Amino acid sequence: MGEASEPIRASVPIAGPARPTSVRWHILALLLAFSFMSWFNRMSMPVAGDLGIMKEYSISPTRMGFVYSALLFTYTLCMIPGGWLADRKGAWIALLLMGLGSGIFEAFTGYAGLAIGSIWLSLLAIRLLMGAFTAPIYPASGRIIAHWLPFYQRAWANGLVMGAALLGIAGAPVLFGILIDNVGWEASFVLAGQVTCLLALLWLLYAKDDPRKHRGVNAAELAVIRRDDHQAEALPCEGITKISLAVPRPAEGLKSLLTNRNLILLTLSYSAVGYFEYLFYFWMHYYFEDILHVGTQTSRYYASITFLAMAAGMFVGGGLSDWLQRRYGYRFGRAAVPVGGMLASAALLAAGIFVKEPAWIVTYFALALAAIGASEGPLWATAIDLGGKHGGTAAGIFNTGGNAGGILAPILTPWISQRFGWQWGIGVGGLYCLIGVVLWCWINPTERVRENTGSDASFVSKDS
């Protein structure tokens, strides 16, 4: 017999650990798109007003101002109910209703001229309703981020979502202006509304409230999402040591939020951020063109530079806060960026109003907005954390404060400027930020609200 042949060994590949899927990044991308379109749609109204509606229908700037403010009014009024909707019915349904409702009324804006009677009243009613539907966007987005991103990426993700809003603000004058030049203001509103509705349809078909319910999420991705859950669960709650898993009762949840010192002080501090930001939204183009006399086109470029700088600050600030949390602990990480951002923005704003050269003015203003923008991500993540199971409602209260400060800025800025000069009118924004910084002496972001939900709750009192 010949030599025995060697046994044949089949080469069977050894399976390694599965790579995490990427569904969480797709969900985050949808949130960024929602945020961009939300502010693009809001800013489309003043763009259309300037480029056609006021002249075509002889609407005065004062009456048009009511149309511009209508959306902000109902948006602020419905913020807390929108956050409660995200808590009670789920952030997924809240964002779906937001996308469909705001898209439909954005499209309806293009048909306002067909209404019988006053176009001004039609625009006013449409934008009021659009504001109500838009209200849940950021409380619900914060809840989705808390479900879909690891604990130490949430400030960064919230910063990205807020930064996408600034891109919408910066892009609307150019992109919506191009649409109006090519198809008219009526068709431009319809197209923007259709894009928003298509985005909502994509959300309906793809997104879920909970990553465990999404077919595309594998075990490895779920492990990534949940890897830091012990950090969130370790945050103390006022009055309890064990977290309830029951569905919170609305009345008790709202009461616990409104009596939580940390959330209320955080909200007051955020009102300073809102005042600072809205000061630039409404008056910076005017300041460059009519006070500094740099020219219309240059004023637009300068205003766009400041908004883009603010978006960059939002993108960076959240990530910086998350890094500081990992390195120095949760409380320092969440406080350092907002406190440092507000202090820096006040100092840079002061420098900007006292220099003379326009190039230096826009540089200081851009850096000031980047600094204040950096605070957005950690502030929003902290509001969601403080709310616990009521995180959407907490974010609604928090953002109501931010918008309340924002509403004051367009009114107080010209009033102060007429009496004391524009340097003081703008400088008040920096002084308000200093007050916002002082409030952090009494804010402890690690203390969540009480989560007592009644007889079906499972919690142990510290006093028992």
Protein backbone atom coordinates (compact mmCIF):
# COMPACT_ATOMS: atom_id res chain seq x y z
CA MET A 1 0.00 0.00 0.00
CA GLY A 2 1.12 3.48 -0.59
CA GLU A 3 1.67 6.09 2.05
CA ALA A 4 -1.39 7.09 3.98
CA SER A 5 -2.63 10.40 2.77
CA GLU A 6 -2.92 13.26 5.23
CA PRO A 7 -6.46 13.85 6.44
CA ILE A 8 -8.13 16.76 4.78
CA ARG A 9 -8.87 19.57 7.24
CA ALA A 10 -11.65 21.84 6.14
CA SER A 11 -10.95 25.52 6.67
CA VAL A 12 -13.90 26.79 8.69
CA PRO A 13 -13.78 30.50 9.47
CA ILE A 14 -14.14 31.33 13.14
CA ALA A 15 -16.90 33.85 13.64
CA GLY A 16 -15.78 36.94 15.50
CA PRO A 17 -17.95 39.29 17.46
CA ALA A 18 -20.63 40.96 15.36
CA ARG A 19 -20.01 44.55 14.40
CA PRO A 20 -22.60 47.02 15.72
CA THR A 21 -25.17 48.11 13.18
CA SER A 22 -25.55 51.82 12.45
CA VAL A 23 -29.25 52.46 13.00
CA ARG A 24 -28.58 54.95 15.82
CA TRP A 25 -26.70 57.19 13.37
CA HIS A 26 -29.58 57.03 10.89
CA ILE A 27 -31.98 58.06 13.66
CA LEU A 28 -29.69 60.95 14.60
CA ALA A 29 -29.49 62.00 10.92
CA LEU A 30 -33.30 62.15 10.77
CA LEU A 31 -33.34 64.33 13.89
CA LEU A 32 -30.81 66.67 12.26
CA ALA A 33 -32.97 66.85 9.13
CA PHE A 34 -36.07 67.62 11.20
CA SER A 35 -34.20 70.39 13.03
CA PHE A 36 -32.85 71.89 9.81
CA MET A 37 -36.26 71.89 8.09
CA SER A 38 -38.04 73.22 11.17
CA TRP A 39 -35.97 76.39 11.25
CA PHE A 40 -35.75 76.62 7.46
CA ASN A 41 -39.55 76.67 7.40
CA ARG A 42 -39.73 79.25 10.18
CA MET A 43 -37.27 81.59 8.45
CA SER A 44 -38.93 81.12 5.06
CA MET A 45 -41.70 83.51 6.14
CA PRO A 46 -39.54 86.65 6.63
CA VAL A 47 -37.63 85.80 3.45
CA ALA A 48 -40.88 85.64 1.45
CA GLY A 49 -42.20 88.73 3.22
CA ASP A 50 -39.16 90.79 2.22
CA LEU A 51 -38.96 89.45 -1.34
CA GLY A 52 -42.59 89.62 -2.38
CA ILE A 53 -45.54 89.31 -0.01
CA MET A 54 -45.39 92.75 1.64
CA LYS A 55 -45.04 94.59 -1.65
CA GLU A 56 -47.50 92.41 -3.58
CA TYR A 57 -50.28 92.76 -0.99
CA SER A 58 -49.32 96.15 0.53
CA ILE A 59 -48.81 94.71 4.01
CA SER A 60 -46.96 97.07 6.35
CA PRO A 61 -43.83 95.88 8.21
CA THR A 62 -45.68 96.23 11.53
CA ARG A 63 -48.56 94.00 10.43
CA MET A 64 -46.11 91.55 8.87
CA GLY A 65 -44.28 91.45 12.19
CA PHE A 66 -47.40 89.90 13.76
CA VAL A 67 -47.22 87.11 11.18
CA TYR A 68 -43.55 86.51 11.98
CA SER A 69 -44.30 86.39 15.73
CA ALA A 70 -47.40 84.19 15.39
CA LEU A 71 -45.43 80.97 15.03
CA LEU A 72 -43.13 81.82 17.93
CA PHE A 73 -46.15 82.64 20.15
CA THR A 74 -47.94 79.28 19.77
CA TYR A 75 -44.61 77.43 19.61
CA THR A 76 -43.76 78.76 23.08
CA LEU A 77 -47.31 78.33 24.41
CA CYS A 78 -47.44 74.66 23.35
CA MET A 79 -43.90 73.73 24.39
CA ILE A 80 -44.83 72.10 27.71
CA PRO A 81 -47.83 70.21 26.24
CA GLY A 82 -45.54 69.07 23.42
CA GLY A 83 -43.02 67.72 25.92
CA TRP A 84 -45.79 66.00 27.86
CA LEU A 85 -46.98 64.37 24.61
CA ALA A 86 -43.48 62.98 24.07
CA ASP A 87 -43.47 61.55 27.61
CA ARG A 88 -47.00 60.19 27.60
CA LYS A 89 -47.48 58.92 24.04
CA GLY A 90 -43.88 58.55 22.97
CA ALA A 91 -41.33 60.77 21.25
CA TRP A 92 -41.78 58.86 17.97
CA ILE A 93 -45.44 59.85 17.58
CA ALA A 94 -44.70 63.41 18.77
CA LEU A 95 -42.08 63.86 16.04
CA LEU A 96 -44.32 62.27 13.43
CA LEU A 97 -47.15 64.70 14.23
CA MET A 98 -44.66 67.54 14.31
CA GLY A 99 -43.25 66.72 10.88
CA LEU A 100 -46.61 66.16 9.20
CA GLY A 101 -48.31 69.15 10.85
CA SER A 102 -45.53 71.65 10.24
CA GLY A 103 -45.06 70.38 6.66
CA ILE A 104 -48.77 70.66 5.86
CA PHE A 105 -49.06 74.21 7.21
CA GLU A 106 -45.82 75.27 5.52
CA ALA A 107 -47.40 74.13 2.24
CA PHE A 108 -50.71 75.84 3.13
CA THR A 109 -48.78 79.11 3.49
CA GLY A 110 -48.27 79.01 -0.27
CA TYR A 111 -52.05 78.91 -0.78
CA ALA A 112 -52.82 81.82 1.57
CA GLY A 113 -53.31 84.15 -1.40
CA LEU A 114 -56.24 81.99 -2.60
CA ALA A 115 -58.19 82.50 0.62
CA ILE A 116 -61.35 84.56 0.55
CA GLY A 117 -60.81 87.75 2.50
CA SER A 118 -57.60 89.09 4.00
CA ILE A 119 -54.36 87.33 3.09
CA TRP A 120 -52.89 88.80 6.27
CA LEU A 121 -55.45 86.98 8.43
CA SER A 122 -54.87 83.78 6.45
CA LEU A 123 -51.11 83.97 6.98
CA LEU A 124 -51.61 84.76 10.66
CA ALA A 125 -53.90 81.74 11.22
CA ILE A 126 -51.68 79.36 9.25
CA ARG A 127 -48.50 80.32 11.10
CA LEU A 128 -50.27 80.14 14.49
CA LEU A 129 -51.29 76.55 13.75
CA MET A 130 -47.87 75.71 12.38
CA GLY A 131 -46.26 76.92 15.61
CA ALA A 132 -48.48 74.61 17.69
CA PHE A 133 -47.47 71.57 15.64
CA THR A 134 -43.78 72.53 15.69
CA ALA A 135 -43.61 72.76 19.51
CA PRO A 136 -42.64 69.13 20.36
CA ILE A 137 -39.57 69.01 18.13
CA TYR A 138 -36.76 69.56 20.63
CA PRO A 139 -38.26 67.95 23.76
CA ALA A 140 -39.10 64.87 21.65
CA SER A 141 -35.67 64.90 19.97
CA GLY A 142 -34.03 64.98 23.40
CA ARG A 143 -36.07 61.94 24.45
CA ILE A 144 -35.08 60.04 21.29
CA ILE A 145 -31.42 60.86 21.91
CA ALA A 146 -31.73 59.56 25.48
CA HIS A 147 -33.11 56.28 24.08
CA TRP A 148 -30.75 55.85 21.14
CA LEU A 149 -27.34 57.23 22.19
CA PRO A 150 -25.00 56.18 25.01
CA PHE A 151 -25.03 58.41 28.07
CA TYR A 152 -21.65 59.98 27.26
CA GLN A 153 -22.70 61.00 23.73
CA ARG A 154 -25.97 62.73 24.56
CA ALA A 155 -24.70 66.28 25.08
CA TRP A 156 -22.82 66.00 21.77
CA ALA A 157 -25.92 64.66 19.96
CA ASN A 158 -28.13 67.42 21.39
CA GLY A 159 -25.55 69.95 20.25
CA LEU A 160 -25.65 68.52 16.73
CA VAL A 161 -29.44 68.77 16.61
CA MET A 162 -29.36 72.39 17.77
CA GLY A 163 -26.53 73.15 15.33
CA ALA A 164 -28.63 71.83 12.44
CA ALA A 165 -31.22 74.48 13.37
CA LEU A 166 -28.59 77.19 12.85
CA LEU A 167 -27.76 75.76 9.43
CA GLY A 168 -31.46 76.07 8.61
CA ILE A 169 -31.44 79.70 9.76
CA ALA A 170 -28.29 80.50 7.80
CA GLY A 171 -29.46 78.65 4.68
CA ALA A 172 -33.01 79.97 4.43
CA PRO A 173 -32.23 83.47 3.07
CA VAL A 174 -30.11 81.99 0.27
CA LEU A 175 -31.91 78.72 -0.57
CA PHE A 176 -35.47 79.95 -0.13
CA GLY A 177 -34.56 83.15 -1.94
CA ILE A 178 -33.33 81.09 -4.91
CA LEU A 179 -36.60 79.11 -4.87
CA ILE A 180 -38.64 82.32 -4.89
CA ASP A 181 -36.58 83.72 -7.76
CA ASN A 182 -37.28 80.61 -9.84
CA VAL A 183 -40.81 79.45 -8.96
CA GLY A 184 -42.38 82.27 -6.91
CA TRP A 185 -43.12 82.44 -3.19
CA GLU A 186 -46.32 80.36 -3.39
CA ALA A 187 -44.70 77.30 -4.99
CA SER A 188 -41.63 77.70 -2.75
CA PHE A 189 -43.74 77.21 0.39
CA VAL A 190 -45.45 74.20 -1.17
CA LEU A 191 -42.12 72.58 -2.07
CA ALA A 192 -40.66 73.16 1.40
CA GLY A 193 -43.81 71.68 2.95
CA GLN A 194 -43.61 68.63 0.71
CA VAL A 195 -39.98 68.00 1.69
CA THR A 196 -40.94 68.20 5.37
CA CYS A 197 -43.85 65.78 4.90
CA LEU A 198 -41.60 63.34 3.02
CA LEU A 199 -39.16 63.50 5.92
CA ALA A 200 -42.03 62.72 8.31
CA LEU A 201 -43.03 59.76 6.12
CA LEU A 202 -39.46 58.45 6.28
CA TRP A 203 -39.59 58.80 10.07
CA LEU A 204 -42.87 56.85 10.11
CA LEU A 205 -41.43 53.98 8.09
CA TYR A 206 -37.98 53.74 9.66
CA ALA A 207 -37.78 55.15 13.20
CA LYS A 208 -38.82 53.65 16.52
CA ASP A 209 -39.03 54.98 20.06
CA ASP A 210 -36.96 52.14 21.48
CA PRO A 211 -33.92 50.59 19.76
CA ARG A 212 -34.99 47.16 21.11
CA LYS A 213 -38.05 47.36 18.85
CA HIS A 214 -36.10 48.16 15.67
CA ARG A 215 -35.41 45.17 13.40
CA GLY A 216 -32.23 46.69 12.10
CA VAL A 217 -30.54 46.93 15.51
CA ASN A 218 -28.34 43.96 16.37
CA ALA A 219 -27.21 42.90 19.83
CA ALA A 220 -23.84 44.60 19.40
CA GLU A 221 -25.39 47.99 18.63
CA LEU A 222 -27.81 47.62 21.52
CA ALA A 223 -24.86 46.92 23.80
CA VAL A 224 -23.16 50.12 22.58
CA ILE A 225 -26.31 52.15 23.22
CA ARG A 226 -26.79 50.70 26.71
CA ARG A 227 -23.12 50.59 27.77
CA ASP A 228 -23.37 53.70 29.98
CA ASP A 229 -26.85 53.13 31.38
CA HIS A 230 -25.45 52.55 34.85
CA GLN A 231 -24.25 56.17 34.82
CA ALA A 232 -27.74 57.53 34.12
CA GLU A 233 -29.32 55.20 36.67
CA ALA A 234 -26.84 56.37 39.30
CA LEU A 235 -28.14 59.95 39.18
CA PRO A 236 -29.95 60.58 42.48
CA CYS A 237 -33.62 61.52 42.57
CA GLU A 238 -35.02 63.93 45.12
CA GLY A 239 -36.76 61.95 47.85
CA ILE A 240 -36.25 58.43 46.47
CA THR A 241 -33.52 55.86 46.14
CA LYS A 242 -35.12 53.45 43.67
CA ILE A 243 -36.48 54.49 40.29
CA SER A 244 -40.09 53.69 39.44
CA LEU A 245 -40.79 51.77 36.24
CA ALA A 246 -44.47 52.77 36.16
CA VAL A 247 -45.95 55.23 33.69
CA PRO A 248 -45.86 58.67 35.36
CA ARG A 249 -49.09 60.45 36.13
CA PRO A 250 -49.19 63.80 34.29
CA ALA A 251 -50.28 65.96 37.24
CA GLU A 252 -47.72 64.50 39.63
CA GLY A 253 -45.00 64.69 37.02
CA LEU A 254 -45.65 68.36 36.26
CA LYS A 255 -45.79 69.23 39.95
CA SER A 256 -42.48 67.50 40.63
CA LEU A 257 -40.88 69.35 37.72
CA LEU A 258 -42.18 72.78 38.69
CA THR A 259 -40.98 72.31 42.27
CA ASN A 260 -37.53 71.03 41.32
CA ARG A 261 -35.09 73.81 42.17
CA ASN A 262 -32.44 72.61 39.75
CA LEU A 263 -34.75 72.50 36.73
CA ILE A 264 -36.24 75.93 37.48
CA LEU A 265 -32.82 77.54 37.94
CA LEU A 266 -31.58 75.79 34.79
CA THR A 267 -34.60 77.18 32.93
CA LEU A 268 -33.88 80.72 34.17
CA SER A 269 -30.24 80.34 33.15
CA TYR A 270 -31.33 79.15 29.69
CA SER A 271 -33.55 82.22 29.32
CA ALA A 272 -30.30 84.23 29.27
CA VAL A 273 -29.02 82.05 26.42
CA GLY A 274 -32.33 82.56 24.59
CA TYR A 275 -32.13 86.34 25.03
CA PHE A 276 -28.55 86.41 23.71
CA GLU A 277 -29.34 84.27 20.67
CA TYR A 278 -32.58 86.00 19.66
CA LEU A 279 -30.85 89.36 19.97
CA PHE A 280 -28.65 88.24 17.09
CA TYR A 281 -31.46 86.53 15.14
CA PHE A 282 -33.58 89.67 14.96
CA TRP A 283 -31.21 92.62 15.15
CA MET A 284 -27.76 91.72 13.87
CA HIS A 285 -28.47 92.37 10.18
CA TYR A 286 -30.02 95.71 11.12
CA TYR A 287 -27.04 96.58 13.33
CA PHE A 288 -24.54 95.87 10.56
CA GLU A 289 -26.51 97.66 7.83
CA ASP A 290 -28.23 100.60 9.54
CA ILE A 291 -25.99 101.32 12.50
CA LEU A 292 -22.54 100.41 11.15
CA HIS A 293 -23.48 101.17 7.49
CA VAL A 294 -21.43 98.35 5.97
CA GLY A 295 -23.87 97.80 3.08
CA THR A 296 -26.73 95.39 2.44
CA GLN A 297 -24.75 92.56 0.88
CA THR A 298 -21.93 92.78 3.41
CA SER A 299 -24.48 92.82 6.24
CA ARG A 300 -25.95 89.55 4.96
CA TYR A 301 -22.52 87.94 4.82
CA TYR A 302 -21.65 89.16 8.31
CA ALA A 303 -24.93 87.88 9.74
CA SER A 304 -24.41 84.50 8.05
CA ILE A 305 -20.86 84.28 9.45
CA THR A 306 -22.13 84.78 13.01
CA PHE A 307 -24.84 82.11 12.60
CA LEU A 308 -22.40 79.59 11.12
CA ALA A 309 -20.00 80.27 13.99
CA MET A 310 -22.81 79.57 16.42
CA ALA A 311 -23.59 76.28 14.66
CA ALA A 312 -19.90 75.32 14.91
CA GLY A 313 -19.99 76.10 18.64
CA MET A 314 -23.01 73.84 19.06
CA PHE A 315 -21.29 70.99 17.23
CA VAL A 316 -18.14 71.30 19.36
CA GLY A 317 -19.66 72.19 22.75
CA GLY A 318 -21.66 69.03 23.24
CA GLY A 319 -18.69 66.81 22.43
CA LEU A 320 -16.47 68.83 24.78
CA SER A 321 -19.00 68.43 27.58
CA ASP A 322 -19.16 64.65 27.05
CA TRP A 323 -15.36 64.44 27.12
CA LEU A 324 -15.19 66.47 30.34
CA GLN A 325 -17.79 64.16 31.89
CA ARG A 326 -15.74 61.08 31.14
CA ARG A 327 -12.57 62.69 32.46
CA TYR A 328 -13.74 64.76 35.45
CA GLY A 329 -17.21 63.48 36.30
CA TYR A 330 -20.80 64.21 35.37
CA ARG A 331 -21.42 67.37 37.39
CA PHE A 332 -18.27 69.18 36.26
CA GLY A 333 -18.70 68.07 32.65
CA ARG A 334 -22.26 69.34 32.41
CA ALA A 335 -21.57 72.64 34.20
CA ALA A 336 -18.17 73.65 32.80
CA VAL A 337 -19.20 74.22 29.18
CA PRO A 338 -22.38 76.30 29.84
CA VAL A 339 -20.65 78.40 32.53
CA GLY A 340 -17.53 78.89 30.44
CA GLY A 341 -19.57 79.55 27.30
CA MET A 342 -21.74 82.22 28.89
CA LEU A 343 -18.75 83.94 30.52
CA ALA A 344 -16.81 83.94 27.24
CA SER A 345 -19.81 85.15 25.22
CA ALA A 346 -20.32 88.11 27.59
CA ALA A 347 -16.65 89.09 27.37
CA LEU A 348 -16.49 88.69 23.58
CA LEU A 349 -19.72 90.65 23.09
CA ALA A 350 -18.28 93.51 25.15
CA ALA A 351 -15.13 93.48 23.02
CA GLY A 352 -17.25 93.51 19.85
CA ILE A 353 -19.29 96.57 20.79
CA PHE A 354 -16.24 98.65 21.72
CA VAL A 355 -13.97 97.99 18.73
CA LYS A 356 -14.35 100.18 15.65
CA GLU A 357 -13.33 98.10 12.64
CA PRO A 358 -16.26 96.08 11.15
CA ALA A 359 -14.01 93.07 10.51
CA TRP A 360 -13.07 92.92 14.19
CA ILE A 361 -16.68 93.48 15.24
CA VAL A 362 -17.95 90.51 13.24
CA THR A 363 -15.01 88.41 14.49
CA TYR A 364 -15.81 89.09 18.15
CA PHE A 365 -19.54 88.64 17.58
CA ALA A 366 -18.97 85.33 15.77
CA LEU A 367 -16.78 84.06 18.61
CA ALA A 368 -19.39 85.21 21.15
CA LEU A 369 -22.11 83.25 19.35
CA ALA A 370 -19.85 80.21 19.06
CA ALA A 371 -19.30 80.35 22.83
CA ILE A 372 -22.98 80.66 23.66
CA GLY A 373 -23.81 77.96 21.11
CA ALA A 374 -21.43 75.56 22.85
CA SER A 375 -23.71 75.62 25.92
CA GLU A 376 -26.78 74.32 24.03
CA GLY A 377 -25.94 70.60 23.93
CA PRO A 378 -25.06 70.15 27.62
CA LEU A 379 -27.98 72.35 28.72
CA TRP A 380 -30.52 70.31 26.77
CA ALA A 381 -29.03 66.99 27.89
CA THR A 382 -29.11 68.18 31.51
CA ALA A 383 -32.77 69.20 31.26
CA ILE A 384 -33.68 65.75 29.91
CA ASP A 385 -31.66 64.05 32.67
CA LEU A 386 -33.22 66.18 35.40
CA GLY A 387 -36.69 65.17 34.21
CA GLY A 388 -36.02 61.43 34.43
CA LYS A 389 -39.17 59.70 33.14
CA HIS A 390 -40.67 63.16 32.64
CA GLY A 391 -37.73 64.25 30.46
CA GLY A 392 -39.88 65.51 27.57
CA THR A 393 -42.00 67.68 29.86
CA ALA A 394 -38.86 68.91 31.62
CA ALA A 395 -37.40 69.90 28.25
CA GLY A 396 -40.68 71.66 27.42
CA ILE A 397 -40.47 73.75 30.60
CA PHE A 398 -36.78 74.41 29.96
CA ASN A 399 -37.33 75.52 26.36
CA THR A 400 -40.30 77.67 27.35
CA GLY A 401 -37.86 79.62 29.51
CA GLY A 402 -35.41 79.90 26.64
CA ASN A 403 -38.08 81.21 24.30
CA ALA A 404 -39.41 83.60 26.97
CA GLY A 405 -35.96 85.17 27.12
CA GLY A 406 -35.89 85.16 23.34
CA ILE A 407 -39.21 86.99 23.10
CA LEU A 408 -37.85 89.80 25.30
CA ALA A 409 -34.80 90.44 23.10
CA PRO A 410 -36.58 91.85 19.98
CA ILE A 411 -38.62 94.20 22.20
CA LEU A 412 -36.04 95.39 24.75
CA THR A 413 -33.10 95.79 22.34
CA PRO A 414 -34.50 98.74 20.32
CA TRP A 415 -36.12 100.27 23.45
CA ILE A 416 -32.81 100.31 25.34
CA SER A 417 -30.90 101.40 22.22
CA GLN A 418 -33.13 104.42 21.63
CA ARG A 419 -32.49 105.65 25.17
CA PHE A 420 -28.88 104.67 25.83
CA GLY A 421 -27.39 103.76 22.44
CA TRP A 422 -26.92 100.52 20.54
CA GLN A 423 -23.85 99.54 22.52
CA TRP A 424 -26.03 99.24 25.62
CA GLY A 425 -28.90 97.68 23.66
CA ILE A 426 -26.64 94.85 22.55
CA GLY A 427 -24.52 94.78 25.70
CA VAL A 428 -27.52 93.87 27.88
CA GLY A 429 -27.33 90.40 26.33
CA GLY A 430 -23.90 89.94 27.91
CA LEU A 431 -25.11 91.19 31.31
CA TYR A 432 -28.02 88.75 31.19
CA CYS A 433 -25.54 85.92 30.50
CA LEU A 434 -23.61 86.84 33.64
CA ILE A 435 -26.82 86.41 35.64
CA GLY A 436 -27.25 83.02 33.97
CA VAL A 437 -23.75 82.06 35.13
CA VAL A 438 -24.44 83.09 38.74
CA LEU A 439 -27.49 80.79 38.83
CA TRP A 440 -25.19 77.79 38.33
CA CYS A 441 -23.95 78.29 41.90
CA TRP A 442 -27.22 76.62 43.00
CA ILE A 443 -27.74 74.14 40.14
CA ASN A 444 -26.89 70.49 40.75
CA PRO A 445 -27.44 68.63 37.46
CA THR A 446 -27.15 65.24 39.17
CA GLU A 447 -30.47 65.58 41.04
CA ARG A 448 -33.42 64.31 39.04
CA VAL A 449 -36.99 65.16 39.92
CA ARG A 450 -39.07 62.97 42.18
CA GLU A 451 -40.55 60.06 40.21
CA ASN A 452 -43.31 58.99 42.61
CA THR A 453 -46.13 57.78 40.36
CA GLY A 454 -48.68 56.58 42.89
CA SER A 455 -49.68 53.21 44.27
CA ASP A 456 -48.32 51.23 41.34
CA ALA A 457 -44.87 52.76 41.75
CA SER A 458 -41.92 50.85 43.11
CA PHE A 459 -39.77 53.19 45.12
CA VAL A 460 -38.27 53.45 48.58
CA SER A 461 -38.24 56.72 50.50
CA LYS A 462 -35.00 57.91 51.97
CA ASP A 463 -36.89 58.48 55.20
CA SER A 464 -38.33 54.94 55.38
